């Protein structure tokens, strides 16, 4: 294709010159018809017929010159953006007399299609390799941790170390899921599901409580409302996990309150009032940041699925994160009895 474009790249202004010739000849013929008609007293109907014939010939010539643009537009119209194969453009079908502007446009479209195809291929390679090469070791680590926790002679230090490894493994697992979720192209046909937000949130809280064993932090769930959503269950789960984890990082002692309100979920950390009065800096885990990596991923998920995320900081190192859902659905599953 490049060599074909190079053949016509130097014909700068060829289209304009040919169009100028067409209209110039049309003007000369019309002028000649008028002069001859005036000299030989040609009937008006004949002159009008000759002018109309000249105009039709000029229109046909102009339409012929526009043919390369129409051919290129037809190729682009039949190009499948979901599977951008550069060869499917078939730019070599452009006429030989293609103008330089059309050739430049064709070359740009071919380069764009090539880049898009490369991006899609790298996306598929990344998601496939990451799914296999990262999930498999994480599964082995999780199984090994479960076996270690069942050992009878495990010391206190060993138990704390195993719990830290388990917590880090869970965080790595959620991070991999989040990155794979964001790396894949959005596909509403496969991602959209109807799920009860309260049920998914409960599962994430149970998983988070297991990782908080040994830390003076309590997770509380307040459910004055119950609703369903249509979207990606995995995206909602990862988003809630990131916000809960970020809230737990903001304090060393206290509780994290998760509230389910109509069309909204809020996560806030309540510090121990005794520590709040004595040493406010003790409420924050060293290195924790409310604008850290967790909330960066949460913000990207929020932007992708149209779930607005609001962050607020109040006195006493109390941070609040709210997720709003524009189109909540009524919960089809009755609320389980406590």
Protein backbone atom coordinates (compact mmCIF):
# COMPACT_ATOMS: atom_id res chain seq x y z
CA UNK A 1 0.00 0.00 0.00
CA UNK A 2 2.79 2.44 0.79
CA UNK A 3 4.31 2.09 -2.67
CA UNK A 4 0.90 2.64 -4.21
CA UNK A 5 0.45 5.84 -2.22
CA UNK A 6 3.92 7.04 -3.14
CA UNK A 7 2.98 6.87 -6.81
CA UNK A 8 0.31 9.52 -6.32
CA UNK A 9 1.76 11.51 -3.46
CA UNK A 10 3.46 13.99 -5.80
CA UNK A 11 0.27 14.87 -7.68
CA UNK A 12 -0.46 17.78 -5.42
CA UNK A 13 -3.49 19.75 -6.62
CA UNK A 14 -4.33 17.28 -9.40
CA UNK A 15 -7.97 17.22 -8.37
CA UNK A 16 -8.18 21.01 -8.29
CA UNK A 17 -6.52 21.32 -11.69
CA UNK A 18 -8.87 18.82 -13.33
CA UNK A 19 -11.92 20.49 -11.79
CA UNK A 20 -10.62 23.87 -12.99
CA UNK A 21 -10.27 22.46 -16.51
CA UNK A 22 -13.82 21.09 -16.40
CA UNK A 23 -15.39 24.37 -15.31
CA UNK A 24 -13.12 26.36 -17.63
CA UNK A 25 -14.21 24.31 -20.63
CA UNK A 26 -17.82 24.57 -19.53
CA UNK A 27 -17.53 28.35 -19.35
CA UNK A 28 -15.88 28.51 -22.80
CA UNK A 29 -18.54 26.30 -24.37
CA UNK A 30 -21.38 28.28 -22.81
CA UNK A 31 -19.79 31.53 -24.01
CA UNK A 32 -19.37 30.10 -27.51
CA UNK A 33 -23.00 28.96 -27.57
CA UNK A 34 -24.18 32.40 -26.53
CA UNK A 35 -22.04 34.13 -29.17
CA UNK A 36 -23.06 31.76 -31.97
CA UNK A 37 -26.68 31.90 -30.94
CA UNK A 38 -26.63 35.68 -31.00
CA UNK A 39 -24.89 35.80 -34.41
CA UNK A 40 -26.94 33.13 -36.20
CA UNK A 41 -30.21 33.85 -34.42
CA UNK A 42 -30.35 30.35 -32.91
CA UNK A 43 -33.65 29.56 -31.14
CA UNK A 44 -33.63 29.97 -27.37
CA UNK A 45 -34.72 26.36 -26.77
CA UNK A 46 -31.75 25.04 -28.71
CA UNK A 47 -29.35 27.25 -26.76
CA UNK A 48 -30.87 26.13 -23.47
CA UNK A 49 -30.60 22.50 -24.57
CA UNK A 50 -26.94 22.94 -25.50
CA UNK A 51 -26.17 24.66 -22.19
CA UNK A 52 -27.98 21.89 -20.30
CA UNK A 53 -26.01 19.26 -22.21
CA UNK A 54 -22.77 21.06 -21.40
CA UNK A 55 -23.73 21.23 -17.72
CA UNK A 56 -24.52 17.50 -17.63
CA UNK A 57 -21.16 16.70 -19.20
CA UNK A 58 -19.41 18.91 -16.64
CA UNK A 59 -21.31 17.19 -13.81
CA UNK A 60 -20.35 13.75 -15.16
CA UNK A 61 -16.69 14.78 -15.36
CA UNK A 62 -16.78 16.17 -11.82
CA UNK A 63 -18.46 12.99 -10.56
CA UNK A 64 -15.73 10.93 -12.20
CA UNK A 65 -13.06 13.00 -10.46
CA UNK A 66 -14.84 12.45 -7.12
CA UNK A 67 -14.77 8.67 -7.58
CA UNK A 68 -11.58 8.05 -5.48
CA UNK A 69 -13.12 9.85 -2.51
CA UNK A 70 -16.28 7.76 -2.81
CA UNK A 71 -14.23 4.56 -3.05
CA UNK A 72 -12.27 5.45 0.07
CA UNK A 73 -15.47 6.37 1.95
CA UNK A 74 -17.00 3.02 0.97
CA UNK A 75 -13.95 1.15 2.26
CA UNK A 76 -14.05 2.97 5.59
CA UNK A 77 -17.81 2.44 5.88
CA UNK A 78 -17.39 -1.34 5.63
CA UNK A 79 -14.43 -1.43 8.01
CA UNK A 80 -15.17 -3.37 11.18
CA UNK A 81 -13.85 -1.37 14.11
CA UNK A 82 -14.16 -4.31 16.52
CA UNK A 83 -11.71 -6.35 14.41
CA UNK A 84 -9.54 -3.72 12.74
CA UNK A 85 -7.66 -5.64 10.06
CA UNK A 86 -5.58 -3.16 8.00
CA UNK A 87 -5.71 -5.45 4.98
CA UNK A 88 -9.51 -5.26 5.01
CA UNK A 89 -9.30 -1.63 3.94
CA UNK A 90 -7.94 -2.73 0.55
CA UNK A 91 -6.49 0.69 -0.20
CA UNK A 92 -4.80 -0.64 -3.32
CA UNK A 93 -8.22 -0.44 -5.02
CA UNK A 94 -7.94 3.32 -5.23
CA UNK A 95 -7.79 4.57 -8.85
CA UNK A 96 -4.45 5.36 -10.38
CA UNK A 97 -5.26 9.05 -10.78
CA UNK A 98 -5.87 9.51 -7.06
CA UNK A 99 -5.14 13.00 -5.79
CA UNK A 100 -2.38 13.61 -3.23
CA UNK A 101 -4.87 14.65 -0.54
CA UNK A 102 -6.86 11.44 -0.94
CA UNK A 103 -3.65 9.40 -0.95
CA UNK A 104 -2.49 11.06 2.26
CA UNK A 105 -5.87 10.32 3.86
CA UNK A 106 -5.62 6.70 2.73
CA UNK A 107 -2.13 6.34 4.18
CA UNK A 108 -3.26 7.88 7.47
CA UNK A 109 -6.22 5.51 7.72
CA UNK A 110 -3.96 2.53 7.01
CA UNK A 111 -1.54 3.63 9.74
CA UNK A 112 -4.41 4.19 12.16
CA UNK A 113 -5.85 0.75 11.43
CA UNK A 114 -2.42 -0.82 11.93
CA UNK A 115 -2.01 0.86 15.31
CA UNK A 116 -5.50 -0.15 16.46
CA UNK A 117 -4.86 -3.74 15.43
CA UNK A 118 -1.59 -3.67 17.38
CA UNK A 119 -3.32 -2.27 20.46
CA UNK A 120 -6.00 -4.95 20.34
CA UNK A 121 -3.42 -7.69 19.94
CA UNK A 122 -1.40 -6.41 22.90
CA UNK A 123 -4.59 -6.19 24.97
CA UNK A 124 -5.47 -9.80 24.21
CA UNK A 125 -1.93 -10.95 24.94
CA UNK A 126 -1.83 -9.05 28.23
CA UNK A 127 -5.19 -10.25 29.49
CA UNK A 128 -4.45 -13.83 28.47
CA UNK A 129 -0.93 -13.92 29.93
CA UNK A 130 -1.87 -12.03 33.10
CA UNK A 131 -4.87 -14.26 33.69
CA UNK A 132 -2.74 -17.38 33.51
CA UNK A 133 0.69 -16.30 34.72
CA UNK A 134 -0.56 -14.31 37.73
CA UNK A 135 -3.65 -16.20 38.83
CA UNK A 136 -1.95 -19.57 38.91
CA UNK A 137 0.82 -18.53 41.37
CA UNK A 138 -1.74 -16.70 43.50
CA UNK A 139 -3.82 -19.87 43.72
CA UNK A 140 -0.78 -21.85 44.83
CA UNK A 141 0.08 -19.21 47.44
CA UNK A 142 -3.47 -19.23 48.81
CA UNK A 143 -3.50 -23.01 49.11
CA UNK A 144 -0.12 -22.96 50.85
CA UNK A 145 -1.32 -20.29 53.28
CA UNK A 146 -4.40 -22.34 54.18
CA UNK A 147 -2.19 -25.36 54.85
CA UNK A 148 0.19 -23.30 57.01
CA UNK A 149 -2.66 -21.88 59.09
CA UNK A 150 -3.73 -25.43 59.97
CA UNK A 151 -0.31 -26.25 61.44
CA UNK A 152 -0.49 -26.89 65.19
CA UNK A 153 3.03 -25.81 66.13
CA UNK A 154 2.87 -22.44 64.43
CA UNK A 155 4.22 -19.68 66.67
CA UNK A 156 2.54 -16.32 67.24
CA UNK A 157 5.10 -14.61 65.05
CA UNK A 158 4.56 -17.21 62.34
CA UNK A 159 0.79 -16.77 62.60
CA UNK A 160 1.10 -13.00 62.17
CA UNK A 161 3.40 -13.51 59.21
CA UNK A 162 0.96 -15.94 57.58
CA UNK A 163 -1.90 -13.49 58.08
CA UNK A 164 0.14 -10.71 56.49
CA UNK A 165 0.94 -12.94 53.55
CA UNK A 166 -2.72 -13.84 53.23
CA UNK A 167 -3.72 -10.18 53.33
CA UNK A 168 -1.10 -9.26 50.71
CA UNK A 169 -2.20 -12.18 48.51
CA UNK A 170 -5.81 -11.04 48.65
CA UNK A 171 -4.80 -7.48 47.80
CA UNK A 172 -2.70 -8.76 44.88
CA UNK A 173 -5.61 -10.88 43.67
CA UNK A 174 -8.00 -7.93 43.69
CA UNK A 175 -5.37 -5.74 42.00
CA UNK A 176 -4.96 -8.29 39.19
CA UNK A 177 -8.74 -8.48 38.76
CA UNK A 178 -8.97 -4.69 38.62
CA UNK A 179 -6.19 -4.34 36.05
CA UNK A 180 -7.65 -7.08 33.87
CA UNK A 181 -11.08 -5.48 34.16
CA UNK A 182 -9.76 -2.11 33.04
CA UNK A 183 -7.55 -3.59 30.31
CA UNK A 184 -10.40 -5.37 28.56
CA UNK A 185 -12.56 -3.48 26.13
CA UNK A 186 -16.02 -2.69 27.46
CA UNK A 187 -18.58 -5.16 26.14
CA UNK A 188 -22.05 -4.51 27.45
CA UNK A 189 -23.40 -7.77 26.04
CA UNK A 190 -21.11 -9.89 28.25
CA UNK A 191 -20.54 -7.60 31.24
CA UNK A 192 -24.08 -6.46 32.03
CA UNK A 193 -25.79 -8.51 34.71
CA UNK A 194 -28.55 -7.78 37.19
CA UNK A 195 -27.32 -8.32 40.76
CA UNK A 196 -28.28 -7.24 44.25
CA UNK A 197 -25.73 -4.71 45.47
CA UNK A 198 -26.26 -5.65 49.14
CA UNK A 199 -25.38 -9.31 48.56
CA UNK A 200 -22.15 -8.52 46.71
CA UNK A 201 -21.21 -5.99 49.39
CA UNK A 202 -21.76 -8.56 52.14
CA UNK A 203 -19.38 -11.00 50.45
CA UNK A 204 -16.69 -8.33 50.20
CA UNK A 205 -17.15 -7.44 53.87
CA UNK A 206 -16.75 -11.08 54.94
CA UNK A 207 -13.53 -11.30 52.95
CA UNK A 208 -12.27 -8.02 54.43
CA UNK A 209 -13.05 -9.13 58.01
CA UNK A 210 -10.88 -12.21 57.56
CA UNK A 211 -7.96 -10.00 56.60
CA UNK A 212 -8.45 -7.65 59.56
CA UNK A 213 -7.91 -10.37 62.15
CA UNK A 214 -5.47 -9.04 64.72
CA UNK A 215 -6.16 -5.36 63.95
CA UNK A 216 -8.42 -3.23 66.21
CA UNK A 217 -10.67 -2.24 63.31
CA UNK A 218 -14.33 -3.24 63.08
CA UNK A 219 -16.35 -3.27 59.87
CA UNK A 220 -19.98 -2.24 60.32
CA UNK A 221 -22.76 -2.55 57.75
CA UNK A 222 -25.82 -0.32 57.81
CA UNK A 223 -28.54 -1.26 55.30
CA UNK A 224 -31.48 1.17 55.43
CA UNK A 225 -31.97 0.49 51.71
CA UNK A 226 -31.68 -2.43 49.36
CA UNK A 227 -31.38 -2.21 45.59
CA UNK A 228 -30.11 -3.98 42.49
CA UNK A 229 -27.87 -2.84 39.67
CA UNK A 230 -27.41 -3.71 36.03
CA UNK A 231 -23.75 -3.84 35.15
CA UNK A 232 -20.58 -5.74 35.90
CA UNK A 233 -20.65 -7.65 39.17
CA UNK A 234 -16.87 -7.92 39.14
CA UNK A 235 -16.45 -4.16 38.66
CA UNK A 236 -18.81 -3.42 41.55
CA UNK A 237 -17.01 -5.94 43.76
CA UNK A 238 -13.56 -4.52 42.99
CA UNK A 239 -14.81 -0.95 43.51
CA UNK A 240 -16.27 -1.73 46.95
CA UNK A 241 -13.13 -3.62 47.95
CA UNK A 242 -10.87 -0.73 47.01
CA UNK A 243 -12.93 1.75 49.04
CA UNK A 244 -13.13 -0.52 52.08
CA UNK A 245 -9.40 -1.22 51.97
CA UNK A 246 -8.61 2.47 51.60
CA UNK A 247 -10.82 3.32 54.61
CA UNK A 248 -9.07 0.66 56.72
CA UNK A 249 -5.72 2.18 55.83
CA UNK A 250 -6.73 5.57 57.21
CA UNK A 251 -6.85 4.48 60.84
CA UNK A 252 -5.16 2.05 63.18
CA UNK A 253 -8.04 1.76 65.65
CA UNK A 254 -11.75 2.40 65.26
CA UNK A 255 -14.44 1.23 62.87
CA UNK A 256 -15.36 1.53 59.24
CA UNK A 257 -19.04 2.11 58.52
CA UNK A 258 -20.47 1.00 55.19
CA UNK A 259 -23.97 2.36 54.55
CA UNK A 260 -26.32 1.26 51.79
CA UNK A 261 -28.64 4.16 50.96
CA UNK A 262 -31.14 4.48 48.09
CA UNK A 263 -28.97 4.54 44.97
CA UNK A 264 -25.78 5.16 46.92
CA UNK A 265 -23.14 3.40 49.02
CA UNK A 266 -20.96 5.33 51.46
CA UNK A 267 -17.79 4.17 53.22
CA UNK A 268 -16.45 6.19 56.15
CA UNK A 269 -13.88 5.53 58.86
CA UNK A 270 -14.72 6.38 62.48
CA UNK A 271 -11.63 6.69 64.66
CA UNK A 272 -11.49 5.84 68.33
CA UNK A 273 -12.42 9.08 70.16
CA UNK A 274 -9.76 8.46 72.83
CA UNK A 275 -7.02 8.29 70.20
CA UNK A 276 -8.58 11.20 68.37
CA UNK A 277 -8.06 13.49 71.33
CA UNK A 278 -4.61 12.33 72.27
CA UNK A 279 -2.73 11.85 69.01
CA UNK A 280 -4.56 12.47 65.74
CA UNK A 281 -1.57 11.23 63.72
CA UNK A 282 -1.99 7.78 65.28
CA UNK A 283 -5.25 7.36 63.38
CA UNK A 284 -3.45 7.06 60.07
CA UNK A 285 -1.40 4.11 59.02
CA UNK A 286 2.08 5.22 57.92
CA UNK A 287 2.14 5.66 54.18
CA UNK A 288 -1.64 5.70 53.79
CA UNK A 289 -3.00 8.27 51.39
CA UNK A 290 -6.63 8.94 50.51
CA UNK A 291 -5.52 9.70 46.96
CA UNK A 292 -3.41 6.58 46.68
CA UNK A 293 -3.30 3.78 44.13
CA UNK A 294 -6.48 2.14 45.45
CA UNK A 295 -8.60 5.21 44.81
CA UNK A 296 -6.94 5.78 41.45
CA UNK A 297 -8.23 2.37 40.32
CA UNK A 298 -11.60 3.05 41.95
CA UNK A 299 -11.86 6.34 40.08
CA UNK A 300 -11.10 4.65 36.75
CA UNK A 301 -13.78 2.02 37.40
CA UNK A 302 -16.19 4.79 38.41
CA UNK A 303 -15.54 6.71 35.21
CA UNK A 304 -15.83 3.64 33.01
CA UNK A 305 -19.16 2.40 34.36
CA UNK A 306 -20.75 5.78 35.07
CA UNK A 307 -20.88 5.39 38.85
CA UNK A 308 -19.85 8.82 40.23
CA UNK A 309 -17.35 8.65 43.09
CA UNK A 310 -17.22 11.45 45.68
CA UNK A 311 -14.44 11.88 48.27
CA UNK A 312 -14.73 14.02 51.37
CA UNK A 313 -12.50 14.69 54.37
CA UNK A 314 -13.90 15.87 57.71
CA UNK A 315 -12.17 17.07 60.87
CA UNK A 316 -10.64 14.32 62.98
CA UNK A 317 -9.16 12.45 59.99
CA UNK A 318 -12.59 11.13 58.99
CA UNK A 319 -12.70 10.28 55.30
CA UNK A 320 -15.92 9.57 53.43
CA UNK A 321 -16.26 7.95 50.01
CA UNK A 322 -19.64 7.85 48.28
CA UNK A 323 -20.62 5.93 45.17
CA UNK A 324 -23.78 7.06 43.43
CA UNK A 325 -25.68 4.82 41.03
CA UNK A 326 -27.82 6.82 38.60
CA UNK A 327 -30.17 3.96 37.65
CA UNK A 328 -30.75 1.63 40.64
CA UNK A 329 -33.27 -1.18 40.31
CA UNK A 330 -35.55 -2.63 42.99
CA UNK A 331 -34.06 -5.63 44.77
CA UNK A 332 -35.74 -8.78 43.52
CA UNK A 333 -34.36 -10.94 46.34
CA UNK A 334 -35.92 -10.44 49.80
CA UNK A 335 -33.61 -9.22 52.54
CA UNK A 336 -32.23 -12.14 54.60
CA UNK A 337 -33.15 -12.23 58.25
CA UNK A 338 -30.31 -11.43 60.62
